[in-house]
Amino acid sequence: MVKRFVVVAGNIGCGKTSLTRLLSQQLEWDAFYESVDDNPYLADFYDDMRAWSFHLQVFFLGHRARTHLAICARRNSVIQDRSIYEDAHIFARALHDMKMLSLRDYRAYRELYDLVIETLPPPDLLVYLQASVPTLMERIGQRGRGIESGITADYLERLGALYAEWMEGFNLCPVLTVPADDLDFVEHDTHLQIISERILDKLQGKEEVVFPEM
């Protein structure tokens, strides 16, 4: 059996963790989830973002690189909640754009990130969950996490623009974009089945061109 490594990417609240869990169950793949419980900088970061943003991003980079290598070393197929690439192209850049990460620190971080990425094998597929800001705000509100109470529509809009730019130039592996506004894979098994089948087709190199009726 061929081992597969798939990562699920997308904005805050788009459903990455739920999709990772459901697909791991359906496909019988190992699941790796984003963890914040063991992050020694997170509390300090939320108290003073300017002072601790560089430390936080460097910690995330090392943590995700170790996880990435551990996934590559496993024998079983794996699906991962959030990629290492998003830290640099989305969140570190957003912090820099918002004046929370200085240009000097941002450049130092990106130099380290680029060096690390050169050593990591790419995944077989990136699944990008694409959702509108109203959908994201609704889902963030529904899950009621205190740590997310300060997330604004403007911030999600900023992240969404960075995701769109990143996806435009991403070429490390094939990408499957899933319209998360239109598919409710948590409540509807048929929607989950559609995504699962498209992932397997994409991994096997299957593509179909459908022409509209004339």
N, C-alpha and C. Protein backbone atom coordinates (compact mmCIF):
# COMPACT_ATOMS: atom_id res chain seq x y z
N MET A 1 0.84 -1.20 0.00
CA MET A 1 0.00 0.00 0.00
C MET A 1 0.88 1.24 0.00
N VAL A 2 0.57 2.21 -0.84
CA VAL A 2 1.36 3.43 -0.96
C VAL A 2 1.04 4.37 0.20
N LYS A 3 2.08 4.88 0.84
CA LYS A 3 1.89 5.84 1.91
C LYS A 3 1.58 7.22 1.32
N ARG A 4 0.61 7.91 1.94
CA ARG A 4 0.24 9.26 1.51
C ARG A 4 0.40 10.24 2.67
N PHE A 5 0.78 11.46 2.31
CA PHE A 5 0.92 12.54 3.28
C PHE A 5 0.12 13.73 2.76
N VAL A 6 -0.99 14.01 3.43
CA VAL A 6 -1.90 15.08 3.02
C VAL A 6 -2.01 16.11 4.14
N VAL A 7 -1.93 17.39 3.81
CA VAL A 7 -2.11 18.45 4.80
C VAL A 7 -3.38 19.23 4.47
N VAL A 8 -4.05 19.68 5.53
CA VAL A 8 -5.27 20.47 5.39
C VAL A 8 -4.95 21.90 5.82
N ALA A 9 -5.17 22.86 4.93
CA ALA A 9 -4.83 24.26 5.19
C ALA A 9 -6.08 25.12 5.07
N GLY A 10 -6.03 26.30 5.68
CA GLY A 10 -7.15 27.21 5.56
C GLY A 10 -7.23 28.18 6.73
N ASN A 11 -8.06 29.17 6.57
CA ASN A 11 -8.21 30.26 7.54
C ASN A 11 -8.77 29.74 8.86
N ILE A 12 -8.69 30.55 9.89
CA ILE A 12 -9.23 30.20 11.21
C ILE A 12 -10.73 29.97 11.11
N GLY A 13 -11.20 28.83 11.60
CA GLY A 13 -12.62 28.55 11.61
C GLY A 13 -13.17 27.87 10.38
N CYS A 14 -12.30 27.51 9.43
CA CYS A 14 -12.79 26.92 8.18
C CYS A 14 -13.14 25.44 8.30
N GLY A 15 -12.70 24.79 9.40
CA GLY A 15 -13.04 23.38 9.59
C GLY A 15 -11.90 22.41 9.40
N LYS A 16 -10.66 22.88 9.51
CA LYS A 16 -9.49 22.02 9.28
C LYS A 16 -9.46 20.82 10.23
N THR A 17 -9.65 21.09 11.53
CA THR A 17 -9.56 20.02 12.52
C THR A 17 -10.66 18.99 12.32
N SER A 18 -11.88 19.45 12.06
CA SER A 18 -13.00 18.53 11.85
C SER A 18 -12.78 17.68 10.61
N LEU A 19 -12.32 18.30 9.53
CA LEU A 19 -12.08 17.54 8.31
C LEU A 19 -10.93 16.54 8.50
N THR A 20 -9.89 16.94 9.20
CA THR A 20 -8.78 16.03 9.48
C THR A 20 -9.27 14.81 10.25
N ARG A 21 -10.07 15.05 11.28
CA ARG A 21 -10.58 13.94 12.11
C ARG A 21 -11.49 13.01 11.30
N LEU A 22 -12.40 13.56 10.54
CA LEU A 22 -13.35 12.75 9.79
C LEU A 22 -12.68 11.96 8.67
N LEU A 23 -11.74 12.60 7.98
CA LEU A 23 -11.04 11.90 6.91
C LEU A 23 -10.12 10.81 7.44
N SER A 24 -9.50 11.07 8.59
CA SER A 24 -8.63 10.04 9.17
C SER A 24 -9.44 8.80 9.54
N GLN A 25 -10.67 9.01 10.00
CA GLN A 25 -11.55 7.89 10.34
C GLN A 25 -12.00 7.15 9.08
N GLN A 26 -12.40 7.92 8.08
CA GLN A 26 -12.93 7.30 6.87
C GLN A 26 -11.85 6.58 6.07
N LEU A 27 -10.69 7.20 5.94
CA LEU A 27 -9.61 6.63 5.13
C LEU A 27 -8.70 5.70 5.92
N GLU A 28 -8.90 5.69 7.26
CA GLU A 28 -8.05 4.89 8.15
C GLU A 28 -6.58 5.32 8.06
N TRP A 29 -6.40 6.65 8.08
CA TRP A 29 -5.08 7.25 8.09
C TRP A 29 -4.80 7.79 9.49
N ASP A 30 -3.52 7.94 9.81
CA ASP A 30 -3.13 8.59 11.06
C ASP A 30 -3.39 10.09 10.95
N ALA A 31 -3.81 10.69 12.06
CA ALA A 31 -4.10 12.12 12.07
C ALA A 31 -3.12 12.85 12.98
N PHE A 32 -2.61 13.99 12.50
CA PHE A 32 -1.77 14.87 13.31
C PHE A 32 -2.48 16.21 13.44
N TYR A 33 -2.63 16.68 14.67
CA TYR A 33 -3.38 17.91 14.92
C TYR A 33 -2.47 19.03 15.41
N GLU A 34 -2.90 20.26 15.13
CA GLU A 34 -2.19 21.42 15.64
C GLU A 34 -2.35 21.47 17.16
N SER A 35 -1.24 21.67 17.88
CA SER A 35 -1.28 21.70 19.33
C SER A 35 -0.76 23.04 19.84
N VAL A 36 -1.50 23.63 20.78
CA VAL A 36 -1.05 24.88 21.41
C VAL A 36 -0.80 24.69 22.90
N ASP A 37 -1.16 23.53 23.44
CA ASP A 37 -1.04 23.30 24.88
C ASP A 37 0.41 23.31 25.34
N ASP A 38 1.33 22.87 24.45
CA ASP A 38 2.73 22.78 24.85
C ASP A 38 3.55 23.97 24.35
N ASN A 39 2.89 25.06 24.02
CA ASN A 39 3.60 26.24 23.52
C ASN A 39 3.93 27.17 24.69
N PRO A 40 5.22 27.34 25.02
CA PRO A 40 5.59 28.14 26.20
C PRO A 40 5.50 29.65 25.97
N TYR A 41 5.24 30.07 24.73
CA TYR A 41 5.22 31.51 24.42
C TYR A 41 3.82 32.07 24.19
N LEU A 42 2.82 31.22 24.09
CA LEU A 42 1.51 31.67 23.66
C LEU A 42 0.89 32.68 24.62
N ALA A 43 0.93 32.40 25.90
CA ALA A 43 0.34 33.32 26.88
C ALA A 43 1.06 34.67 26.86
N ASP A 44 2.39 34.64 26.80
CA ASP A 44 3.15 35.90 26.73
C ASP A 44 2.83 36.65 25.45
N PHE A 45 2.66 35.91 24.35
CA PHE A 45 2.34 36.53 23.06
C PHE A 45 1.04 37.31 23.14
N TYR A 46 0.02 36.72 23.74
CA TYR A 46 -1.27 37.40 23.81
C TYR A 46 -1.24 38.58 24.78
N ASP A 47 -0.31 38.57 25.73
CA ASP A 47 -0.16 39.72 26.63
C ASP A 47 0.57 40.87 25.95
N ASP A 48 1.56 40.54 25.09
CA ASP A 48 2.36 41.58 24.43
C ASP A 48 2.84 41.03 23.08
N MET A 49 2.05 41.22 22.05
CA MET A 49 2.34 40.62 20.75
C MET A 49 3.63 41.15 20.15
N ARG A 50 3.89 42.43 20.28
CA ARG A 50 5.11 43.00 19.69
C ARG A 50 6.37 42.40 20.33
N ALA A 51 6.33 42.16 21.61
CA ALA A 51 7.52 41.67 22.32
C ALA A 51 7.78 40.19 22.05
N TRP A 52 6.72 39.41 21.80
CA TRP A 52 6.87 37.96 21.76
C TRP A 52 6.54 37.31 20.43
N SER A 53 6.20 38.08 19.41
CA SER A 53 5.81 37.49 18.12
C SER A 53 6.96 36.71 17.48
N PHE A 54 8.18 37.23 17.54
CA PHE A 54 9.31 36.54 16.94
C PHE A 54 9.58 35.21 17.65
N HIS A 55 9.55 35.24 18.98
CA HIS A 55 9.76 34.02 19.75
C HIS A 55 8.70 32.98 19.41
N LEU A 56 7.47 33.42 19.32
CA LEU A 56 6.36 32.51 19.02
C LEU A 56 6.54 31.86 17.66
N GLN A 57 6.89 32.65 16.66
CA GLN A 57 7.02 32.12 15.30
C GLN A 57 8.20 31.16 15.19
N VAL A 58 9.28 31.45 15.86
CA VAL A 58 10.43 30.54 15.83
C VAL A 58 10.08 29.22 16.52
N PHE A 59 9.35 29.30 17.64
CA PHE A 59 8.93 28.07 18.31
C PHE A 59 8.04 27.24 17.38
N PHE A 60 7.05 27.88 16.76
CA PHE A 60 6.16 27.17 15.84
C PHE A 60 6.95 26.51 14.71
N LEU A 61 7.94 27.22 14.18
CA LEU A 61 8.73 26.69 13.08
C LEU A 61 9.45 25.41 13.50
N GLY A 62 10.10 25.43 14.64
CA GLY A 62 10.79 24.23 15.11
C GLY A 62 9.82 23.10 15.41
N HIS A 63 8.71 23.42 16.05
CA HIS A 63 7.72 22.41 16.41
C HIS A 63 7.13 21.76 15.17
N ARG A 64 6.76 22.57 14.20
CA ARG A 64 6.13 22.02 12.98
C ARG A 64 7.15 21.27 12.12
N ALA A 65 8.40 21.72 12.12
CA ALA A 65 9.42 21.00 11.35
C ALA A 65 9.64 19.60 11.93
N ARG A 66 9.69 19.50 13.26
CA ARG A 66 9.83 18.18 13.89
C ARG A 66 8.62 17.29 13.58
N THR A 67 7.43 17.89 13.62
CA THR A 67 6.22 17.13 13.30
C THR A 67 6.24 16.66 11.86
N HIS A 68 6.64 17.54 10.95
CA HIS A 68 6.71 17.21 9.53
C HIS A 68 7.66 16.03 9.30
N LEU A 69 8.81 16.06 9.93
CA LEU A 69 9.78 14.97 9.78
C LEU A 69 9.26 13.68 10.39
N ALA A 70 8.56 13.79 11.51
CA ALA A 70 7.99 12.60 12.14
C ALA A 70 6.93 11.97 11.24
N ILE A 71 6.14 12.80 10.57
CA ILE A 71 5.13 12.29 9.64
C ILE A 71 5.81 11.57 8.47
N CYS A 72 6.85 12.17 7.93
CA CYS A 72 7.55 11.56 6.80
C CYS A 72 8.17 10.21 7.17
N ALA A 73 8.52 10.05 8.45
CA ALA A 73 9.16 8.81 8.89
C ALA A 73 8.15 7.70 9.19
N ARG A 74 6.87 8.03 9.27
CA ARG A 74 5.86 7.02 9.59
C ARG A 74 5.60 6.12 8.39
N ARG A 75 5.16 4.92 8.69
CA ARG A 75 4.86 3.97 7.62
C ARG A 75 3.43 4.13 7.11
N ASN A 76 2.54 4.59 7.99
CA ASN A 76 1.14 4.74 7.61
C ASN A 76 0.89 6.07 6.90
N SER A 77 -0.19 6.13 6.14
CA SER A 77 -0.62 7.39 5.53
C SER A 77 -1.07 8.34 6.63
N VAL A 78 -0.87 9.64 6.38
CA VAL A 78 -1.12 10.66 7.41
C VAL A 78 -1.89 11.82 6.81
N ILE A 79 -2.82 12.37 7.60
CA ILE A 79 -3.45 13.63 7.25
C ILE A 79 -3.20 14.60 8.40
N GLN A 80 -2.76 15.81 8.07
CA GLN A 80 -2.30 16.77 9.08
C GLN A 80 -3.16 18.03 9.09
N ASP A 81 -3.50 18.48 10.28
CA ASP A 81 -4.24 19.72 10.50
C ASP A 81 -3.25 20.89 10.50
N ARG A 82 -3.27 21.70 9.47
CA ARG A 82 -2.43 22.88 9.23
C ARG A 82 -1.00 22.51 8.86
N SER A 83 -0.48 23.21 7.87
CA SER A 83 0.86 22.96 7.34
C SER A 83 1.88 23.89 7.95
N ILE A 84 3.14 23.52 7.83
CA ILE A 84 4.23 24.37 8.28
C ILE A 84 4.31 25.64 7.43
N TYR A 85 3.85 25.56 6.20
CA TYR A 85 3.98 26.69 5.27
C TYR A 85 3.13 27.89 5.67
N GLU A 86 1.99 27.62 6.31
CA GLU A 86 1.09 28.71 6.67
C GLU A 86 1.68 29.64 7.72
N ASP A 87 2.53 29.11 8.59
CA ASP A 87 3.13 29.96 9.62
C ASP A 87 3.86 31.14 9.00
N ALA A 88 4.64 30.88 7.96
CA ALA A 88 5.45 31.94 7.35
C ALA A 88 4.62 32.79 6.39
N HIS A 89 3.92 32.14 5.47
CA HIS A 89 3.25 32.86 4.39
C HIS A 89 1.98 33.57 4.83
N ILE A 90 1.40 33.14 5.95
CA ILE A 90 0.15 33.75 6.41
C ILE A 90 0.37 34.50 7.73
N PHE A 91 0.69 33.78 8.79
CA PHE A 91 0.64 34.37 10.12
C PHE A 91 1.83 35.26 10.44
N ALA A 92 3.04 34.84 10.10
CA ALA A 92 4.19 35.72 10.33
C ALA A 92 4.09 36.97 9.47
N ARG A 93 3.64 36.80 8.24
CA ARG A 93 3.51 37.98 7.37
C ARG A 93 2.42 38.91 7.87
N ALA A 94 1.32 38.34 8.37
CA ALA A 94 0.25 39.18 8.93
C ALA A 94 0.76 39.97 10.13
N LEU A 95 1.53 39.33 10.98
CA LEU A 95 2.10 40.02 12.13
C LEU A 95 3.00 41.16 11.68
N HIS A 96 3.80 40.92 10.64
CA HIS A 96 4.67 41.98 10.12
C HIS A 96 3.84 43.12 9.53
N ASP A 97 2.83 42.79 8.75
CA ASP A 97 1.98 43.82 8.14
C ASP A 97 1.26 44.66 9.20
N MET A 98 0.97 44.04 10.33
CA MET A 98 0.25 44.73 11.41
C MET A 98 1.19 45.42 12.39
N LYS A 99 2.49 45.48 12.04
CA LYS A 99 3.51 46.14 12.87
C LYS A 99 3.73 45.43 14.20
N MET A 100 3.40 44.14 14.26
CA MET A 100 3.65 43.34 15.46
C MET A 100 4.97 42.58 15.38
N LEU A 101 5.57 42.55 14.19
CA LEU A 101 6.84 41.87 13.97
C LEU A 101 7.71 42.79 13.13
N SER A 102 8.84 43.21 13.67
CA SER A 102 9.68 44.18 12.98
C SER A 102 10.24 43.60 11.68
N LEU A 103 10.65 44.47 10.78
CA LEU A 103 11.22 44.03 9.52
C LEU A 103 12.49 43.21 9.76
N ARG A 104 13.30 43.62 10.70
CA ARG A 104 14.53 42.88 11.02
C ARG A 104 14.20 41.46 11.48
N ASP A 105 13.25 41.33 12.41
CA ASP A 105 12.87 40.01 12.92
C ASP A 105 12.18 39.18 11.85
N TYR A 106 11.35 39.83 11.04
CA TYR A 106 10.65 39.11 9.97
C TYR A 106 11.65 38.54 8.96
N ARG A 107 12.63 39.33 8.58
CA ARG A 107 13.64 38.85 7.62
C ARG A 107 14.46 37.71 8.22
N ALA A 108 14.82 37.82 9.49
CA ALA A 108 15.58 36.75 10.15
C ALA A 108 14.76 35.47 10.21
N TYR A 109 13.48 35.62 10.54
CA TYR A 109 12.60 34.46 10.61
C TYR A 109 12.45 33.82 9.23
N ARG A 110 12.23 34.61 8.20
CA ARG A 110 12.03 34.06 6.86
C ARG A 110 13.29 33.38 6.33
N GLU A 111 14.45 33.90 6.68
CA GLU A 111 15.69 33.25 6.26
C GLU A 111 15.81 31.87 6.90
N LEU A 112 15.46 31.78 8.18
CA LEU A 112 15.47 30.50 8.88
C LEU A 112 14.41 29.56 8.31
N TYR A 113 13.23 30.09 8.06
CA TYR A 113 12.14 29.29 7.48
C TYR A 113 12.54 28.71 6.13
N ASP A 114 13.10 29.54 5.26
CA ASP A 114 13.49 29.07 3.93
C ASP A 114 14.53 27.96 4.02
N LEU A 115 15.46 28.09 4.96
CA LEU A 115 16.49 27.06 5.15
C LEU A 115 15.85 25.75 5.61
N VAL A 116 14.91 25.82 6.54
CA VAL A 116 14.23 24.62 7.05
C VAL A 116 13.42 23.95 5.94
N ILE A 117 12.68 24.74 5.18
CA ILE A 117 11.79 24.18 4.14
C ILE A 117 12.59 23.43 3.08
N GLU A 118 13.80 23.90 2.78
CA GLU A 118 14.64 23.23 1.79
C GLU A 118 14.97 21.80 2.19
N THR A 119 14.93 21.50 3.48
CA THR A 119 15.31 20.16 3.97
C THR A 119 14.12 19.23 4.13
N LEU A 120 12.89 19.74 3.98
CA LEU A 120 11.69 18.93 4.25
C LEU A 120 11.07 18.39 2.96
N PRO A 121 10.78 17.10 2.89
CA PRO A 121 10.05 16.57 1.74
C PRO A 121 8.65 17.17 1.70
N PRO A 122 8.15 17.55 0.53
CA PRO A 122 6.81 18.12 0.47
C PRO A 122 5.75 17.05 0.67
N PRO A 123 4.54 17.45 1.08
CA PRO A 123 3.45 16.48 1.17
C PRO A 123 3.01 16.04 -0.23
N ASP A 124 2.17 15.03 -0.27
CA ASP A 124 1.64 14.55 -1.55
C ASP A 124 0.50 15.42 -2.06
N LEU A 125 -0.20 16.07 -1.13
CA LEU A 125 -1.35 16.89 -1.51
C LEU A 125 -1.64 17.88 -0.40
N LEU A 126 -2.04 19.09 -0.81
CA LEU A 126 -2.53 20.09 0.13
C LEU A 126 -4.00 20.33 -0.15
N VAL A 127 -4.84 20.13 0.86
CA VAL A 127 -6.27 20.40 0.75
C VAL A 127 -6.52 21.79 1.34
N TYR A 128 -6.99 22.70 0.50
CA TYR A 128 -7.22 24.08 0.94
C TYR A 128 -8.71 24.31 1.15
N LEU A 129 -9.11 24.54 2.41
CA LEU A 129 -10.49 24.85 2.72
C LEU A 129 -10.71 26.35 2.56
N GLN A 130 -11.56 26.70 1.63
CA GLN A 130 -11.79 28.11 1.28
C GLN A 130 -13.17 28.52 1.79
N ALA A 131 -13.20 29.52 2.68
CA ALA A 131 -14.47 29.96 3.27
C ALA A 131 -14.51 31.48 3.35
N SER A 132 -15.72 32.02 3.27
CA SER A 132 -15.91 33.46 3.37
C SER A 132 -15.83 33.92 4.82
N VAL A 133 -15.60 35.19 5.02
CA VAL A 133 -15.48 35.73 6.37
C VAL A 133 -16.75 35.53 7.20
N PRO A 134 -17.97 35.78 6.65
CA PRO A 134 -19.18 35.51 7.46
C PRO A 134 -19.26 34.06 7.94
N THR A 135 -18.88 33.11 7.09
CA THR A 135 -18.88 31.70 7.50
C THR A 135 -17.88 31.46 8.61
N LEU A 136 -16.69 32.04 8.48
CA LEU A 136 -15.65 31.87 9.49
C LEU A 136 -16.08 32.47 10.83
N MET A 137 -16.66 33.67 10.81
CA MET A 137 -17.09 34.31 12.04
C MET A 137 -18.19 33.50 12.72
N GLU A 138 -19.10 32.97 11.93
CA GLU A 138 -20.18 32.15 12.50
C GLU A 138 -19.63 30.90 13.17
N ARG A 139 -18.71 30.23 12.52
CA ARG A 139 -18.16 28.99 13.07
C ARG A 139 -17.28 29.24 14.29
N ILE A 140 -16.52 30.34 14.26
CA ILE A 140 -15.71 30.69 15.42
C ILE A 140 -16.61 30.98 16.62
N GLY A 141 -17.72 31.67 16.37
CA GLY A 141 -18.67 31.96 17.44
C GLY A 141 -19.31 30.71 18.00
N GLN A 142 -19.62 29.77 17.12
CA GLN A 142 -20.28 28.53 17.55
C GLN A 142 -19.39 27.69 18.45
N ARG A 143 -18.09 27.67 18.19
CA ARG A 143 -17.23 26.82 19.01
C ARG A 143 -16.81 27.48 20.32
N GLY A 144 -16.98 28.80 20.41
CA GLY A 144 -16.87 29.48 21.70
C GLY A 144 -15.55 29.34 22.44
N ARG A 145 -14.45 29.39 21.73
CA ARG A 145 -13.15 29.31 22.39
C ARG A 145 -12.75 30.69 22.90
N GLY A 146 -12.43 30.77 24.18
CA GLY A 146 -12.07 32.05 24.76
C GLY A 146 -10.88 32.70 24.11
N ILE A 147 -9.92 31.89 23.69
CA ILE A 147 -8.69 32.41 23.08
C ILE A 147 -8.97 33.07 21.73
N GLU A 148 -10.14 32.75 21.13
CA GLU A 148 -10.50 33.31 19.83
C GLU A 148 -11.49 34.46 19.93
N SER A 149 -11.82 34.89 21.14
CA SER A 149 -12.86 35.91 21.32
C SER A 149 -12.50 37.25 20.71
N GLY A 150 -11.21 37.52 20.55
CA GLY A 150 -10.78 38.80 20.00
C GLY A 150 -10.60 38.82 18.49
N ILE A 151 -10.88 37.71 17.83
CA ILE A 151 -10.70 37.64 16.38
C ILE A 151 -11.79 38.47 15.69
N THR A 152 -11.37 39.37 14.81
CA THR A 152 -12.31 40.25 14.12
C THR A 152 -12.45 39.86 12.66
N ALA A 153 -13.53 40.37 12.05
CA ALA A 153 -13.75 40.13 10.63
C ALA A 153 -12.62 40.73 9.80
N ASP A 154 -12.11 41.89 10.21
CA ASP A 154 -11.02 42.54 9.48
C ASP A 154 -9.76 41.67 9.49
N TYR A 155 -9.48 41.04 10.63
CA TYR A 155 -8.31 40.17 10.73
C TYR A 155 -8.46 38.95 9.83
N LEU A 156 -9.65 38.35 9.83
CA LEU A 156 -9.90 37.20 8.96
C LEU A 156 -9.82 37.59 7.49
N GLU A 157 -10.27 38.80 7.19
CA GLU A 157 -10.18 39.31 5.82
C GLU A 157 -8.72 39.45 5.40
N ARG A 158 -7.90 39.96 6.30
CA ARG A 158 -6.47 40.12 6.03
C ARG A 158 -5.83 38.75 5.78
N LEU A 159 -6.13 37.79 6.66
CA LEU A 159 -5.59 36.44 6.48
C LEU A 159 -6.08 35.82 5.18
N GLY A 160 -7.35 36.03 4.86
CA GLY A 160 -7.90 35.48 3.62
C GLY A 160 -7.19 35.99 2.38
N ALA A 161 -6.84 37.27 2.38
CA ALA A 161 -6.10 37.85 1.26
C ALA A 161 -4.71 37.22 1.15
N LEU A 162 -4.07 36.97 2.28
CA LEU A 162 -2.76 36.33 2.27
C LEU A 162 -2.86 34.88 1.81
N TYR A 163 -3.92 34.18 2.22
CA TYR A 163 -4.13 32.82 1.74
C TYR A 163 -4.30 32.79 0.23
N ALA A 164 -5.08 33.73 -0.31
CA ALA A 164 -5.31 33.77 -1.75
C ALA A 164 -4.01 34.01 -2.50
N GLU A 165 -3.19 34.91 -1.99
CA GLU A 165 -1.89 35.21 -2.63
C GLU A 165 -0.97 34.00 -2.54
N TRP A 166 -0.95 33.35 -1.38
CA TRP A 166 -0.10 32.17 -1.18
C TRP A 166 -0.52 31.04 -2.12
N MET A 167 -1.80 30.79 -2.22
CA MET A 167 -2.29 29.72 -3.08
C MET A 167 -1.96 29.98 -4.55
N GLU A 168 -1.94 31.24 -4.93
CA GLU A 168 -1.65 31.61 -6.31
C GLU A 168 -0.25 31.16 -6.72
N GLY A 169 0.69 31.21 -5.77
CA GLY A 169 2.08 30.87 -6.11
C GLY A 169 2.55 29.55 -5.56
N PHE A 170 1.68 28.81 -4.87
CA PHE A 170 2.11 27.56 -4.23
C PHE A 170 2.31 26.48 -5.28
N ASN A 171 3.50 25.84 -5.26
CA ASN A 171 3.80 24.82 -6.27
C ASN A 171 4.60 23.64 -5.71
N LEU A 172 4.60 23.48 -4.39
CA LEU A 172 5.37 22.38 -3.79
C LEU A 172 4.70 21.03 -3.99
N CYS A 173 3.38 21.02 -4.14
CA CYS A 173 2.64 19.78 -4.34
C CYS A 173 1.29 20.15 -4.94
N PRO A 174 0.53 19.16 -5.45
CA PRO A 174 -0.81 19.45 -5.97
C PRO A 174 -1.71 20.02 -4.87
N VAL A 175 -2.70 20.79 -5.30
CA VAL A 175 -3.65 21.43 -4.37
C VAL A 175 -5.07 21.05 -4.76
N LEU A 176 -5.88 20.70 -3.76
CA LEU A 176 -7.31 20.48 -3.95
C LEU A 176 -8.04 21.53 -3.14
N THR A 177 -8.74 22.45 -3.81
CA THR A 177 -9.48 23.51 -3.13
C THR A 177 -10.90 23.05 -2.86
N VAL A 178 -11.32 23.15 -1.60
CA VAL A 178 -12.66 22.72 -1.19
C VAL A 178 -13.46 23.95 -0.78
N PRO A 179 -14.60 24.22 -1.41
CA PRO A 179 -15.44 25.37 -1.05
C PRO A 179 -16.18 25.11 0.26
N ALA A 180 -15.62 25.57 1.35
CA ALA A 180 -16.15 25.24 2.68
C ALA A 180 -17.47 25.94 2.99
N ASP A 181 -17.82 26.99 2.24
CA ASP A 181 -19.13 27.62 2.44
C ASP A 181 -20.26 26.70 1.97
N ASP A 182 -20.00 25.95 0.94
CA ASP A 182 -21.04 25.17 0.27
C ASP A 182 -21.12 23.73 0.75
N LEU A 183 -20.05 23.23 1.37
CA LEU A 183 -20.02 21.84 1.82
C LEU A 183 -19.99 21.77 3.34
N ASP A 184 -20.92 21.01 3.91
CA ASP A 184 -20.95 20.80 5.36
C ASP A 184 -20.61 19.34 5.62
N PHE A 185 -19.31 19.06 5.69
CA PHE A 185 -18.85 17.68 5.81
C PHE A 185 -19.03 17.13 7.22
N VAL A 186 -19.37 17.99 8.19
CA VAL A 186 -19.62 17.52 9.55
C VAL A 186 -21.02 16.93 9.66
N GLU A 187 -21.99 17.61 9.06
CA GLU A 187 -23.39 17.20 9.17
C GLU A 187 -23.83 16.25 8.05
N HIS A 188 -23.15 16.27 6.92
CA HIS A 188 -23.61 15.50 5.76
C HIS A 188 -22.53 14.52 5.31
N ASP A 189 -22.81 13.23 5.49
CA ASP A 189 -21.84 12.20 5.10
C ASP A 189 -21.56 12.23 3.60
N THR A 190 -22.56 12.62 2.81
CA THR A 190 -22.36 12.65 1.35
C THR A 190 -21.31 13.70 0.98
N HIS A 191 -21.28 14.82 1.70
CA HIS A 191 -20.29 15.86 1.44
C HIS A 191 -18.89 15.36 1.78
N LEU A 192 -18.79 14.65 2.90
CA LEU A 192 -17.50 14.08 3.29
C LEU A 192 -17.04 13.06 2.25
N GLN A 193 -17.97 12.28 1.73
CA GLN A 193 -17.63 11.28 0.73
C GLN A 193 -17.12 11.93 -0.55
N ILE A 194 -17.73 13.05 -0.93
CA ILE A 194 -17.29 13.78 -2.12
C ILE A 194 -15.84 14.23 -1.95
N ILE A 195 -15.53 14.82 -0.80
CA ILE A 195 -14.17 15.30 -0.55
C ILE A 195 -13.18 14.14 -0.53
N SER A 196 -13.57 13.06 0.15
CA SER A 196 -12.70 11.89 0.23
C SER A 196 -12.37 11.33 -1.15
N GLU A 197 -13.39 11.21 -2.00
CA GLU A 197 -13.18 10.68 -3.34
C GLU A 197 -12.30 11.60 -4.18
N ARG A 198 -12.50 12.91 -4.04
CA ARG A 198 -11.69 13.84 -4.81
C ARG A 198 -10.23 13.81 -4.36
N ILE A 199 -10.01 13.64 -3.05
CA ILE A 199 -8.64 13.52 -2.55
C ILE A 199 -7.96 12.30 -3.13
N LEU A 200 -8.64 11.17 -3.10
CA LEU A 200 -8.05 9.93 -3.63
C LEU A 200 -7.81 10.05 -5.14
N ASP A 201 -8.74 10.66 -5.86
CA ASP A 201 -8.56 10.85 -7.30
C ASP A 201 -7.35 11.74 -7.56
N LYS A 202 -7.22 12.82 -6.78
CA LYS A 202 -6.11 13.75 -6.97
C LYS A 202 -4.78 13.07 -6.69
N LEU A 203 -4.74 12.23 -5.65
CA LEU A 203 -3.52 11.52 -5.31
C LEU A 203 -3.13 10.52 -6.38
N GLN A 204 -4.13 10.00 -7.08
CA GLN A 204 -3.87 9.02 -8.14
C GLN A 204 -3.68 9.67 -9.50
N GLY A 205 -3.70 11.00 -9.53
CA GLY A 205 -3.47 11.72 -10.78
C GLY A 205 -4.65 11.75 -11.72
N LYS A 206 -5.85 11.49 -11.19
CA LYS A 206 -7.04 11.47 -12.05
C LYS A 206 -7.64 12.87 -12.13
N GLU A 207 -7.91 13.30 -13.33
CA GLU A 207 -8.56 14.59 -13.56
C GLU A 207 -9.62 14.41 -14.63
N GLU A 208 -10.70 15.17 -14.51
CA GLU A 208 -11.77 15.07 -15.50
C GLU A 208 -12.18 16.47 -15.93
N VAL A 209 -12.24 16.68 -17.24
CA VAL A 209 -12.69 17.95 -17.79
C VAL A 209 -14.17 17.83 -18.12
N VAL A 210 -14.98 18.71 -17.52
CA VAL A 210 -16.41 18.68 -17.75
C VAL A 210 -16.81 19.95 -18.50
N PHE A 211 -17.38 19.78 -19.70
CA PHE A 211 -17.82 20.91 -20.48
C PHE A 211 -19.29 21.22 -20.16
N PRO A 212 -19.65 22.48 -20.05
CA PRO A 212 -21.05 22.83 -19.81
C PRO A 212 -21.90 22.48 -21.03
N GLU A 213 -23.16 22.22 -20.77
CA GLU A 213 -24.07 21.90 -21.87
C GLU A 213 -24.26 23.11 -22.76
N MET A 214 -24.20 22.83 -24.08
CA MET A 214 -24.31 23.91 -25.06
C MET A 214 -25.79 24.15 -25.41
